[in-house]
Amino acid sequence: PARSLKLGEAGSAAVARLFLITAKPVLYVANVAESDLKGESP
């Protein structure tokens, strides 16, 4: 993903102007059944 790309200041600024989707931070939301509210499933 673009978020793990390491460039210099100018290069990073140039890529940032493209607003790449994979440059955005991600939070994973595990949608579980009511029987697994603590998220203990495989």
Full PDB file with SEQRES, HELIX, SHEET, SSBOND, CRYST1, ORIGX, SCALE, CONECT and MASTER records, all heavy atoms in Angstrom:
SEQRES   1 A   42  PRO ALA ARG SER LEU LYS LEU GLY GLU ALA GLY SER ALA          
SEQRES   2 A   42  ALA VAL ALA ARG LEU PHE LEU ILE THR ALA LYS PRO VAL          
SEQRES   3 A   42  LEU TYR VAL ALA ASN VAL ALA GLU SER ASP LEU LYS GLY          
SEQRES   4 A   42  GLU SER PRO                                                  
HELIX    1 AA1 ALA A    2  SER A    4  5                                   3    
HELIX    2 AA2 GLU A    9  ALA A   16  1                                   8    
HELIX    3 AA3 ILE A   21  ALA A   23  5                                   3    
HELIX    4 AA4 GLU A   34  ASP A   36  5                                   3    
CRYST1    1.000    1.000    1.000  90.00  90.00  90.00 P 1           1          
ORIGX1      1.000000  0.000000  0.000000        0.00000                         
ORIGX2      0.000000  1.000000  0.000000        0.00000                         
ORIGX3      0.000000  0.000000  1.000000        0.00000                         
SCALE1      1.000000  0.000000  0.000000        0.00000                         
SCALE2      0.000000  1.000000  0.000000        0.00000                         
SCALE3      0.000000  0.000000  1.000000        0.00000                         
ATOM      1  N   PRO A   1       0.824  -1.209   0.000  1.00  0.00           N  
ATOM      2  CA  PRO A   1       0.000   0.000   0.000  1.00  0.00           C  
ATOM      3  C   PRO A   1       0.854   1.253   0.000  1.00  0.00           C  
ATOM      4  O   PRO A   1       1.991   1.261   0.490  1.00  0.00           O  
ATOM      5  CB  PRO A   1      -0.792  -0.121   1.307  1.00  0.00           C  
ATOM      6  CG  PRO A   1       0.104  -0.915   2.206  1.00  0.00           C  
ATOM      7  CD  PRO A   1       0.797  -1.904   1.309  1.00  0.00           C  
ATOM      8  N   ALA A   2       0.304   2.333  -0.518  1.00  0.00           N  
ATOM      9  CA  ALA A   2       1.048   3.589  -0.605  1.00  0.00           C  
ATOM     10  C   ALA A   2       1.435   4.128   0.758  1.00  0.00           C  
ATOM     11  O   ALA A   2       2.421   4.855   0.888  1.00  0.00           O  
ATOM     12  CB  ALA A   2       0.212   4.625  -1.359  1.00  0.00           C  
ATOM     13  N   ARG A   3       0.693   3.749   1.818  1.00  0.00           N  
ATOM     14  CA  ARG A   3       1.012   4.268   3.151  1.00  0.00           C  
ATOM     15  C   ARG A   3       2.378   3.791   3.650  1.00  0.00           C  
ATOM     16  O   ARG A   3       2.952   4.415   4.539  1.00  0.00           O  
ATOM     17  CB  ARG A   3      -0.084   3.898   4.148  1.00  0.00           C  
ATOM     18  CG  ARG A   3      -0.145   2.439   4.560  1.00  0.00           C  
ATOM     19  CD  ARG A   3      -1.325   2.158   5.488  1.00  0.00           C  
ATOM     20  NE  ARG A   3      -2.584   2.274   4.774  1.00  0.00           N  
ATOM     21  CZ  ARG A   3      -3.174   1.248   4.171  1.00  0.00           C  
ATOM     22  NH1 ARG A   3      -2.625   0.048   4.183  1.00  0.00           N  
ATOM     23  NH2 ARG A   3      -4.312   1.415   3.527  1.00  0.00           N  
ATOM     24  N   SER A   4       2.908   2.710   3.083  1.00  0.00           N  
ATOM     25  CA  SER A   4       4.214   2.207   3.516  1.00  0.00           C  
ATOM     26  C   SER A   4       5.350   2.673   2.609  1.00  0.00           C  
ATOM     27  O   SER A   4       6.505   2.289   2.799  1.00  0.00           O  
ATOM     28  CB  SER A   4       4.200   0.676   3.575  1.00  0.00           C  
ATOM     29  OG  SER A   4       3.996   0.109   2.279  1.00  0.00           O  
ATOM     30  N   LEU A   5       5.029   3.521   1.629  1.00  0.00           N  
ATOM     31  CA  LEU A   5       6.048   4.034   0.707  1.00  0.00           C  
ATOM     32  C   LEU A   5       6.896   5.101   1.401  1.00  0.00           C  
ATOM     33  O   LEU A   5       6.367   6.027   2.009  1.00  0.00           O  
ATOM     34  CB  LEU A   5       5.368   4.627  -0.528  1.00  0.00           C  
ATOM     35  CG  LEU A   5       6.270   5.283  -1.578  1.00  0.00           C  
ATOM     36  CD1 LEU A   5       7.229   4.282  -2.183  1.00  0.00           C  
ATOM     37  CD2 LEU A   5       5.411   5.946  -2.660  1.00  0.00           C  
ATOM     38  N   LYS A   6       8.208   4.969   1.340  1.00  0.00           N  
ATOM     39  CA  LYS A   6       9.126   5.919   1.959  1.00  0.00           C  
ATOM     40  C   LYS A   6       9.849   6.716   0.865  1.00  0.00           C  
ATOM     41  O   LYS A   6      10.602   6.148   0.074  1.00  0.00           O  
ATOM     42  CB  LYS A   6      10.152   5.200   2.836  1.00  0.00           C  
ATOM     43  CG  LYS A   6       9.549   4.297   3.910  1.00  0.00           C  
ATOM     44  CD  LYS A   6       8.700   5.091   4.900  1.00  0.00           C  
ATOM     45  CE  LYS A   6       8.124   4.166   5.983  1.00  0.00           C  
ATOM     46  NZ  LYS A   6       7.213   4.899   6.889  1.00  0.00           N  
ATOM     47  N   LEU A   7       9.598   8.015   0.853  1.00  0.00           N  
ATOM     48  CA  LEU A   7      10.257   8.905  -0.092  1.00  0.00           C  
ATOM     49  C   LEU A   7      10.779  10.120   0.664  1.00  0.00           C  
ATOM     50  O   LEU A   7      10.452  10.328   1.832  1.00  0.00           O  
ATOM     51  CB  LEU A   7       9.268   9.363  -1.171  1.00  0.00           C  
ATOM     52  CG  LEU A   7       8.703   8.298  -2.117  1.00  0.00           C  
ATOM     53  CD1 LEU A   7       7.587   8.892  -2.964  1.00  0.00           C  
ATOM     54  CD2 LEU A   7       9.808   7.732  -3.000  1.00  0.00           C  
ATOM     55  N   GLY A   8      11.562  10.942  -0.013  1.00  0.00           N  
ATOM     56  CA  GLY A   8      12.001  12.190   0.586  1.00  0.00           C  
ATOM     57  C   GLY A   8      10.838  13.160   0.718  1.00  0.00           C  
ATOM     58  O   GLY A   8       9.715  12.886   0.261  1.00  0.00           O  
ATOM     59  N   GLU A   9      11.100  14.314   1.310  1.00  0.00           N  
ATOM     60  CA  GLU A   9      10.040  15.286   1.566  1.00  0.00           C  
ATOM     61  C   GLU A   9       9.340  15.726   0.288  1.00  0.00           C  
ATOM     62  O   GLU A   9       8.106  15.747   0.214  1.00  0.00           O  
ATOM     63  CB  GLU A   9      10.630  16.504   2.283  1.00  0.00           C  
ATOM     64  CG  GLU A   9       9.591  17.537   2.693  1.00  0.00           C  
ATOM     65  CD  GLU A   9      10.183  18.689   3.486  1.00  0.00           C  
ATOM     66  OE1 GLU A   9      11.334  18.575   3.940  1.00  0.00           O  
ATOM     67  OE2 GLU A   9       9.489  19.712   3.639  1.00  0.00           O  
ATOM     68  N   ALA A  10      10.111  16.047  -0.741  1.00  0.00           N  
ATOM     69  CA  ALA A  10       9.516  16.518  -1.987  1.00  0.00           C  
ATOM     70  C   ALA A  10       8.732  15.407  -2.680  1.00  0.00           C  
ATOM     71  O   ALA A  10       7.625  15.616  -3.191  1.00  0.00           O  
ATOM     72  CB  ALA A  10      10.591  17.063  -2.917  1.00  0.00           C  
ATOM     73  N   GLY A  11       9.308  14.202  -2.700  1.00  0.00           N  
ATOM     74  CA  GLY A  11       8.632  13.076  -3.333  1.00  0.00           C  
ATOM     75  C   GLY A  11       7.345  12.709  -2.615  1.00  0.00           C  
ATOM     76  O   GLY A  11       6.324  12.432  -3.253  1.00  0.00           O  
ATOM     77  N   SER A  12       7.396  12.728  -1.285  1.00  0.00           N  
ATOM     78  CA  SER A  12       6.194  12.425  -0.503  1.00  0.00           C  
ATOM     79  C   SER A  12       5.109  13.452  -0.759  1.00  0.00           C  
ATOM     80  O   SER A  12       3.925  13.112  -0.874  1.00  0.00           O  
ATOM     81  CB  SER A  12       6.535  12.395   0.989  1.00  0.00           C  
ATOM     82  OG  SER A  12       7.427  11.332   1.278  1.00  0.00           O  
ATOM     83  N   ALA A  13       5.509  14.721  -0.867  1.00  0.00           N  
ATOM     84  CA  ALA A  13       4.536  15.777  -1.126  1.00  0.00           C  
ATOM     85  C   ALA A  13       3.890  15.603  -2.496  1.00  0.00           C  
ATOM     86  O   ALA A  13       2.681  15.817  -2.668  1.00  0.00           O  
ATOM     87  CB  ALA A  13       5.210  17.139  -1.019  1.00  0.00           C  
ATOM     88  N   ALA A  14       4.691  15.204  -3.479  1.00  0.00           N  
ATOM     89  CA  ALA A  14       4.160  15.008  -4.828  1.00  0.00           C  
ATOM     90  C   ALA A  14       3.140  13.872  -4.856  1.00  0.00           C  
ATOM     91  O   ALA A  14       2.058  14.000  -5.435  1.00  0.00           O  
ATOM     92  CB  ALA A  14       5.302  14.723  -5.800  1.00  0.00           C  
ATOM     93  N   VAL A  15       3.491  12.756  -4.208  1.00  0.00           N  
ATOM     94  CA  VAL A  15       2.578  11.605  -4.177  1.00  0.00           C  
ATOM     95  C   VAL A  15       1.328  11.938  -3.370  1.00  0.00           C  
ATOM     96  O   VAL A  15       0.219  11.508  -3.712  1.00  0.00           O  
ATOM     97  CB  VAL A  15       3.294  10.369  -3.605  1.00  0.00           C  
ATOM     98  CG1 VAL A  15       2.310   9.218  -3.405  1.00  0.00           C  
ATOM     99  CG2 VAL A  15       4.424   9.925  -4.544  1.00  0.00           C  
ATOM    100  N   ALA A  16       1.482  12.722  -2.298  1.00  0.00           N  
ATOM    101  CA  ALA A  16       0.330  13.089  -1.465  1.00  0.00           C  
ATOM    102  C   ALA A  16      -0.723  13.829  -2.271  1.00  0.00           C  
ATOM    103  O   ALA A  16      -1.928  13.707  -2.008  1.00  0.00           O  
ATOM    104  CB  ALA A  16       0.785  13.930  -0.285  1.00  0.00           C  
ATOM    105  N   ARG A  17      -0.277  14.594  -3.268  1.00  0.00           N  
ATOM    106  CA  ARG A  17      -1.218  15.364  -4.082  1.00  0.00           C  
ATOM    107  C   ARG A  17      -2.095  14.475  -4.963  1.00  0.00           C  
ATOM    108  O   ARG A  17      -3.079  14.943  -5.546  1.00  0.00           O  
ATOM    109  CB  ARG A  17      -0.458  16.372  -4.947  1.00  0.00           C  
ATOM    110  CG  ARG A  17       0.133  17.533  -4.145  1.00  0.00           C  
ATOM    111  CD  ARG A  17       0.596  18.658  -5.046  1.00  0.00           C  
ATOM    112  NE  ARG A  17       1.778  18.316  -5.820  1.00  0.00           N  
ATOM    113  CZ  ARG A  17       3.034  18.486  -5.404  1.00  0.00           C  
ATOM    114  NH1 ARG A  17       3.274  18.984  -4.190  1.00  0.00           N  
ATOM    115  NH2 ARG A  17       4.058  18.162  -6.177  1.00  0.00           N  
ATOM    116  N   LEU A  18      -1.762  13.194  -5.059  1.00  0.00           N  
ATOM    117  CA  LEU A  18      -2.567  12.258  -5.845  1.00  0.00           C  
ATOM    118  C   LEU A  18      -3.730  11.692  -5.028  1.00  0.00           C  
ATOM    119  O   LEU A  18      -4.606  11.035  -5.584  1.00  0.00           O  
ATOM    120  CB  LEU A  18      -1.699  11.109  -6.366  1.00  0.00           C  
ATOM    121  CG  LEU A  18      -0.525  11.490  -7.273  1.00  0.00           C  
ATOM    122  CD1 LEU A  18       0.223  10.238  -7.716  1.00  0.00           C  
ATOM    123  CD2 LEU A  18      -0.991  12.296  -8.475  1.00  0.00           C  
ATOM    124  N   PHE A  19      -3.705  11.904  -3.712  1.00  0.00           N  
ATOM    125  CA  PHE A  19      -4.763  11.411  -2.819  1.00  0.00           C  
ATOM    126  C   PHE A  19      -5.016   9.911  -3.019  1.00  0.00           C  
ATOM    127  O   PHE A  19      -6.159   9.473  -3.211  1.00  0.00           O  
ATOM    128  CB  PHE A  19      -6.064  12.202  -3.025  1.00  0.00           C  
ATOM    129  CG  PHE A  19      -5.934  13.657  -2.710  1.00  0.00           C  
ATOM    130  CD1 PHE A  19      -5.778  14.588  -3.732  1.00  0.00           C  
ATOM    131  CD2 PHE A  19      -5.931  14.100  -1.402  1.00  0.00           C  
ATOM    132  CE1 PHE A  19      -5.640  15.942  -3.445  1.00  0.00           C  
ATOM    133  CE2 PHE A  19      -5.793  15.453  -1.109  1.00  0.00           C  
ATOM    134  CZ  PHE A  19      -5.645  16.368  -2.120  1.00  0.00           C  
ATOM    135  N   LEU A  20      -3.946   9.136  -2.974  1.00  0.00           N  
ATOM    136  CA  LEU A  20      -4.067   7.696  -3.169  1.00  0.00           C  
ATOM    137  C   LEU A  20      -4.854   7.057  -2.031  1.00  0.00           C  
ATOM    138  O   LEU A  20      -4.661   7.377  -0.856  1.00  0.00           O  
ATOM    139  CB  LEU A  20      -2.676   7.062  -3.275  1.00  0.00           C  
ATOM    140  CG  LEU A  20      -1.812   7.559  -4.443  1.00  0.00           C  
ATOM    141  CD1 LEU A  20      -0.467   6.851  -4.441  1.00  0.00           C  
ATOM    142  CD2 LEU A  20      -2.532   7.360  -5.783  1.00  0.00           C  
ATOM    143  N   ILE A  21      -5.716   6.135  -2.388  1.00  0.00           N  
ATOM    144  CA  ILE A  21      -6.581   5.500  -1.387  1.00  0.00           C  
ATOM    145  C   ILE A  21      -5.762   4.672  -0.404  1.00  0.00           C  
ATOM    146  O   ILE A  21      -6.012   4.695   0.800  1.00  0.00           O  
ATOM    147  CB  ILE A  21      -7.639   4.617  -2.081  1.00  0.00           C  
ATOM    148  CG1 ILE A  21      -8.532   5.470  -2.985  1.00  0.00           C  
ATOM    149  CG2 ILE A  21      -8.484   3.893  -1.043  1.00  0.00           C  
ATOM    150  CD1 ILE A  21      -9.457   4.655  -3.856  1.00  0.00           C  
ATOM    151  N   THR A  22      -4.771   3.933  -0.910  1.00  0.00           N  
ATOM    152  CA  THR A  22      -4.003   3.053  -0.027  1.00  0.00           C  
ATOM    153  C   THR A  22      -2.990   3.818   0.819  1.00  0.00           C  
ATOM    154  O   THR A  22      -2.280   3.220   1.616  1.00  0.00           O  
ATOM    155  CB  THR A  22      -3.281   1.949  -0.821  1.00  0.00           C  
ATOM    156  OG1 THR A  22      -2.302   2.551  -1.699  1.00  0.00           O  
ATOM    157  CG2 THR A  22      -4.256   1.119  -1.625  1.00  0.00           C  
ATOM    158  N   ALA A  23      -2.945   5.137   0.657  1.00  0.00           N  
ATOM    159  CA  ALA A  23      -2.113   5.950   1.545  1.00  0.00           C  
ATOM    160  C   ALA A  23      -2.839   6.261   2.849  1.00  0.00           C  
ATOM    161  O   ALA A  23      -2.223   6.685   3.827  1.00  0.00           O  
ATOM    162  CB  ALA A  23      -1.710   7.246   0.851  1.00  0.00           C  
ATOM    163  N   LYS A  24      -4.142   6.051   2.876  1.00  0.00           N  
ATOM    164  CA  LYS A  24      -4.938   6.384   4.053  1.00  0.00           C  
ATOM    165  C   LYS A  24      -4.757   5.320   5.141  1.00  0.00           C  
ATOM    166  O   LYS A  24      -4.653   4.138   4.840  1.00  0.00           O  
ATOM    167  CB  LYS A  24      -6.419   6.491   3.675  1.00  0.00           C  
ATOM    168  CG  LYS A  24      -6.705   7.503   2.580  1.00  0.00           C  
ATOM    169  CD  LYS A  24      -8.170   7.527   2.211  1.00  0.00           C  
ATOM    170  CE  LYS A  24      -8.396   8.385   0.963  1.00  0.00           C  
ATOM    171  NZ  LYS A  24      -7.987   9.777   1.149  1.00  0.00           N  
ATOM    172  N   PRO A  25      -4.749   5.731   6.406  1.00  0.00           N  
ATOM    173  CA  PRO A  25      -4.680   4.735   7.488  1.00  0.00           C  
ATOM    174  C   PRO A  25      -5.948   3.899   7.515  1.00  0.00           C  
ATOM    175  O   PRO A  25      -7.021   4.363   7.126  1.00  0.00           O  
ATOM    176  CB  PRO A  25      -4.537   5.595   8.755  1.00  0.00           C  
ATOM    177  CG  PRO A  25      -5.139   6.920   8.378  1.00  0.00           C  
ATOM    178  CD  PRO A  25      -4.828   7.109   6.917  1.00  0.00           C  
ATOM    179  N   VAL A  26      -5.817   2.656   7.981  1.00  0.00           N  
ATOM    180  CA  VAL A  26      -6.940   1.717   7.979  1.00  0.00           C  
ATOM    181  C   VAL A  26      -7.191   1.175   9.386  1.00  0.00           C  
ATOM    182  O   VAL A  26      -6.247   0.855  10.123  1.00  0.00           O  
ATOM    183  CB  VAL A  26      -6.669   0.535   7.028  1.00  0.00           C  
ATOM    184  CG1 VAL A  26      -7.817  -0.476   7.088  1.00  0.00           C  
ATOM    185  CG2 VAL A  26      -6.485   1.012   5.603  1.00  0.00           C  
ATOM    186  N   LEU A  27      -8.461   1.077   9.735  1.00  0.00           N  
ATOM    187  CA  LEU A  27      -8.885   0.392  10.950  1.00  0.00           C  
ATOM    188  C   LEU A  27      -9.777  -0.764  10.512  1.00  0.00           C  
ATOM    189  O   LEU A  27     -10.760  -0.558   9.792  1.00  0.00           O  
ATOM    190  CB  LEU A  27      -9.666   1.351  11.857  1.00  0.00           C  
ATOM    191  CG  LEU A  27     -10.271   0.762  13.132  1.00  0.00           C  
ATOM    192  CD1 LEU A  27      -9.179   0.321  14.096  1.00  0.00           C  
ATOM    193  CD2 LEU A  27     -11.193   1.785  13.803  1.00  0.00           C  
ATOM    194  N   TYR A  28      -9.426  -1.984  10.907  1.00  0.00           N  
ATOM    195  CA  TYR A  28     -10.229  -3.156  10.533  1.00  0.00           C  
ATOM    196  C   TYR A  28     -11.334  -3.363  11.569  1.00  0.00           C  
ATOM    197  O   TYR A  28     -11.086  -3.340  12.776  1.00  0.00           O  
ATOM    198  CB  TYR A  28      -9.349  -4.405  10.419  1.00  0.00           C  
ATOM    199  CG  TYR A  28      -8.375  -4.297   9.270  1.00  0.00           C  
ATOM    200  CD1 TYR A  28      -7.076  -3.844   9.473  1.00  0.00           C  
ATOM    201  CD2 TYR A  28      -8.768  -4.603   7.974  1.00  0.00           C  
ATOM    202  CE1 TYR A  28      -6.190  -3.706   8.424  1.00  0.00           C  
ATOM    203  CE2 TYR A  28      -7.891  -4.470   6.909  1.00  0.00           C  
ATOM    204  CZ  TYR A  28      -6.598  -4.021   7.139  1.00  0.00           C  
ATOM    205  OH  TYR A  28      -5.732  -3.877   6.090  1.00  0.00           O  
ATOM    206  N   VAL A  29     -12.555  -3.554  11.067  1.00  0.00           N  
ATOM    207  CA  VAL A  29     -13.718  -3.743  11.931  1.00  0.00           C  
ATOM    208  C   VAL A  29     -14.209  -5.168  11.729  1.00  0.00           C  
ATOM    209  O   VAL A  29     -14.758  -5.500  10.672  1.00  0.00           O  
ATOM    210  CB  VAL A  29     -14.837  -2.749  11.582  1.00  0.00           C  
ATOM    211  CG1 VAL A  29     -16.009  -2.908  12.557  1.00  0.00           C  
ATOM    212  CG2 VAL A  29     -14.303  -1.314  11.626  1.00  0.00           C  
ATOM    213  N   ALA A  30     -13.969  -6.025  12.713  1.00  0.00           N  
ATOM    214  CA  ALA A  30     -14.381  -7.422  12.633  1.00  0.00           C  
ATOM    215  C   ALA A  30     -15.836  -7.528  13.079  1.00  0.00           C  
ATOM    216  O   ALA A  30     -16.146  -7.355  14.263  1.00  0.00           O  
ATOM    217  CB  ALA A  30     -13.478  -8.287  13.506  1.00  0.00           C  
ATOM    218  N   ASN A  31     -16.719  -7.790  12.132  1.00  0.00           N  
ATOM    219  CA  ASN A  31     -18.145  -7.904  12.433  1.00  0.00           C  
ATOM    220  C   ASN A  31     -18.454  -9.344  12.818  1.00  0.00           C  
ATOM    221  O   ASN A  31     -18.355 -10.260  11.982  1.00  0.00           O  
ATOM    222  CB  ASN A  31     -18.971  -7.493  11.212  1.00  0.00           C  
ATOM    223  CG  ASN A  31     -20.462  -7.482  11.496  1.00  0.00           C  
ATOM    224  OD1 ASN A  31     -20.888  -7.457  12.649  1.00  0.00           O  
ATOM    225  ND2 ASN A  31     -21.262  -7.509  10.437  1.00  0.00           N  
ATOM    226  N   VAL A  32     -18.807  -9.553  14.084  1.00  0.00           N  
ATOM    227  CA  VAL A  32     -18.971 -10.909  14.623  1.00  0.00           C  
ATOM    228  C   VAL A  32     -20.430 -11.197  14.947  1.00  0.00           C  
ATOM    229  O   VAL A  32     -21.284 -10.298  14.947  1.00  0.00           O  
ATOM    230  CB  VAL A  32     -18.116 -11.094  15.898  1.00  0.00           C  
ATOM    231  CG1 VAL A  32     -16.645 -10.889  15.590  1.00  0.00           C  
ATOM    232  CG2 VAL A  32     -18.572 -10.136  17.007  1.00  0.00           C  
ATOM    233  N   ALA A  33     -20.711 -12.456  15.261  1.00  0.00           N  
ATOM    234  CA  ALA A  33     -22.042 -12.854  15.717  1.00  0.00           C  
ATOM    235  C   ALA A  33     -22.208 -12.453  17.180  1.00  0.00           C  
ATOM    236  O   ALA A  33     -21.224 -12.221  17.894  1.00  0.00           O  
ATOM    237  CB  ALA A  33     -22.209 -14.367  15.566  1.00  0.00           C  
ATOM    238  N   GLU A  34     -23.464 -12.386  17.650  1.00  0.00           N  
ATOM    239  CA  GLU A  34     -23.714 -12.041  19.048  1.00  0.00           C  
ATOM    240  C   GLU A  34     -23.095 -13.047  19.997  1.00  0.00           C  
ATOM    241  O   GLU A  34     -22.823 -12.716  21.156  1.00  0.00           O  
ATOM    242  CB  GLU A  34     -25.225 -11.939  19.301  1.00  0.00           C  
ATOM    243  CG  GLU A  34     -25.863 -10.694  18.716  1.00  0.00           C  
ATOM    244  CD  GLU A  34     -27.289 -10.494  19.187  1.00  0.00           C  
ATOM    245  OE1 GLU A  34     -27.573 -10.843  20.359  1.00  0.00           O  
ATOM    246  OE2 GLU A  34     -28.108  -9.996  18.399  1.00  0.00           O  
ATOM    247  N   SER A  35     -22.855 -14.251  19.526  1.00  0.00           N  
ATOM    248  CA  SER A  35     -22.256 -15.286  20.366  1.00  0.00           C  
ATOM    249  C   SER A  35     -20.734 -15.161  20.465  1.00  0.00           C  
ATOM    250  O   SER A  35     -20.094 -15.924  21.181  1.00  0.00           O  
ATOM    251  CB  SER A  35     -22.599 -16.674  19.807  1.00  0.00           C  
ATOM    252  OG  SER A  35     -22.129 -16.804  18.464  1.00  0.00           O  
ATOM    253  N   ASP A  36     -20.150 -14.178  19.772  1.00  0.00           N  
ATOM    254  CA  ASP A  36     -18.685 -14.026  19.763  1.00  0.00           C  
ATOM    255  C   ASP A  36     -18.294 -12.561  19.974  1.00  0.00           C  
ATOM    256  O   ASP A  36     -17.442 -12.027  19.281  1.00  0.00           O  
ATOM    257  CB  ASP A  36     -18.115 -14.550  18.433  1.00  0.00           C  
ATOM    258  CG  ASP A  36     -16.592 -14.578  18.420  1.00  0.00           C  
ATOM    259  OD1 ASP A  36     -15.978 -14.803  19.489  1.00  0.00           O  
ATOM    260  OD2 ASP A  36     -16.014 -14.344  17.339  1.00  0.00           O  
ATOM    261  N   LEU A  37     -18.908 -11.913  20.957  1.00  0.00           N  
ATOM    262  CA  LEU A  37     -18.675 -10.491  21.164  1.00  0.00           C  
ATOM    263  C   LEU A  37     -17.247 -10.173  21.593  1.00  0.00           C  
ATOM    264  O   LEU A  37     -16.775  -9.049  21.422  1.00  0.00           O  
ATOM    265  CB  LEU A  37     -19.664  -9.940  22.204  1.00  0.00           C  
ATOM    266  CG  LEU A  37     -21.140  -9.977  21.790  1.00  0.00           C  
ATOM    267  CD1 LEU A  37     -22.015  -9.422  22.900  1.00  0.00           C  
ATOM    268  CD2 LEU A  37     -21.363  -9.200  20.495  1.00  0.00           C  
ATOM    269  N   LYS A  38     -16.552 -11.149  22.153  1.00  0.00           N  
ATOM    270  CA  LYS A  38     -15.165 -10.914  22.550  1.00  0.00           C  
ATOM    271  C   LYS A  38     -14.181 -11.240  21.424  1.00  0.00           C  
ATOM    272  O   LYS A  38     -12.973 -11.086  21.585  1.00  0.00           O  
ATOM    273  CB  LYS A  38     -14.822 -11.730  23.796  1.00  0.00           C  
ATOM    274  CG  LYS A  38     -15.588 -11.272  25.040  1.00  0.00           C  
ATOM    275  CD  LYS A  38     -15.159 -12.034  26.281  1.00  0.00           C  
ATOM    276  CE  LYS A  38     -15.906 -11.527  27.511  1.00  0.00           C  
ATOM    277  NZ  LYS A  38     -15.518 -12.279  28.742  1.00  0.00           N  
ATOM    278  N   GLY A  39     -14.699 -11.693  20.298  1.00  0.00           N  
ATOM    279  CA  GLY A  39     -13.852 -11.953  19.139  1.00  0.00           C  
ATOM    280  C   GLY A  39     -12.876 -13.096  19.338  1.00  0.00           C  
ATOM    281  O   GLY A  39     -11.687 -12.951  19.067  1.00  0.00           O  
ATOM    282  N   GLU A  40     -13.394 -14.247  19.759  1.00  0.00           N  
ATOM    283  CA  GLU A  40     -12.524 -15.393  20.044  1.00  0.00           C  
ATOM    284  C   GLU A  40     -12.522 -16.425  18.926  1.00  0.00           C  
ATOM    285  O   GLU A  40     -11.882 -17.470  19.044  1.00  0.00           O  
ATOM    286  CB  GLU A  40     -12.961 -16.042  21.368  1.00  0.00           C  
ATOM    287  CG  GLU A  40     -12.815 -15.097  22.562  1.00  0.00           C  
ATOM    288  CD  GLU A  40     -13.370 -15.677  23.847  1.00  0.00           C  
ATOM    289  OE1 GLU A  40     -14.212 -16.607  23.746  1.00  0.00           O  
ATOM    290  OE2 GLU A  40     -12.968 -15.228  24.935  1.00  0.00           O  
ATOM    291  N   SER A  41     -13.210 -16.141  17.822  1.00  0.00           N  
ATOM    292  CA  SER A  41     -13.297 -17.110  16.732  1.00  0.00           C  
ATOM    293  C   SER A  41     -12.017 -17.101  15.892  1.00  0.00           C  
ATOM    294  O   SER A  41     -11.258 -16.129  15.895  1.00  0.00           O  
ATOM    295  CB  SER A  41     -14.486 -16.775  15.831  1.00  0.00           C  
ATOM    296  OG  SER A  41     -14.220 -15.588  15.090  1.00  0.00           O  
ATOM    297  N   PRO A  42     -11.784 -18.181  15.145  1.00  0.00           N  
ATOM    298  CA  PRO A  42     -10.630 -18.218  14.228  1.00  0.00           C  
ATOM    299  C   PRO A  42     -10.691 -17.104  13.179  1.00  0.00           C  
ATOM    300  O   PRO A  42      -9.651 -16.605  12.756  1.00  0.00           O  
ATOM    301  CB  PRO A  42     -10.745 -19.602  13.573  1.00  0.00           C  
ATOM    302  CG  PRO A  42     -11.496 -20.430  14.554  1.00  0.00           C  
ATOM    303  CD  PRO A  42     -12.480 -19.481  15.198  1.00  0.00           C  
TER     304      PRO A  42                                                      
MASTER        0    0    0    4    0    0    0    6  303    1    0    4          
END                                                                             
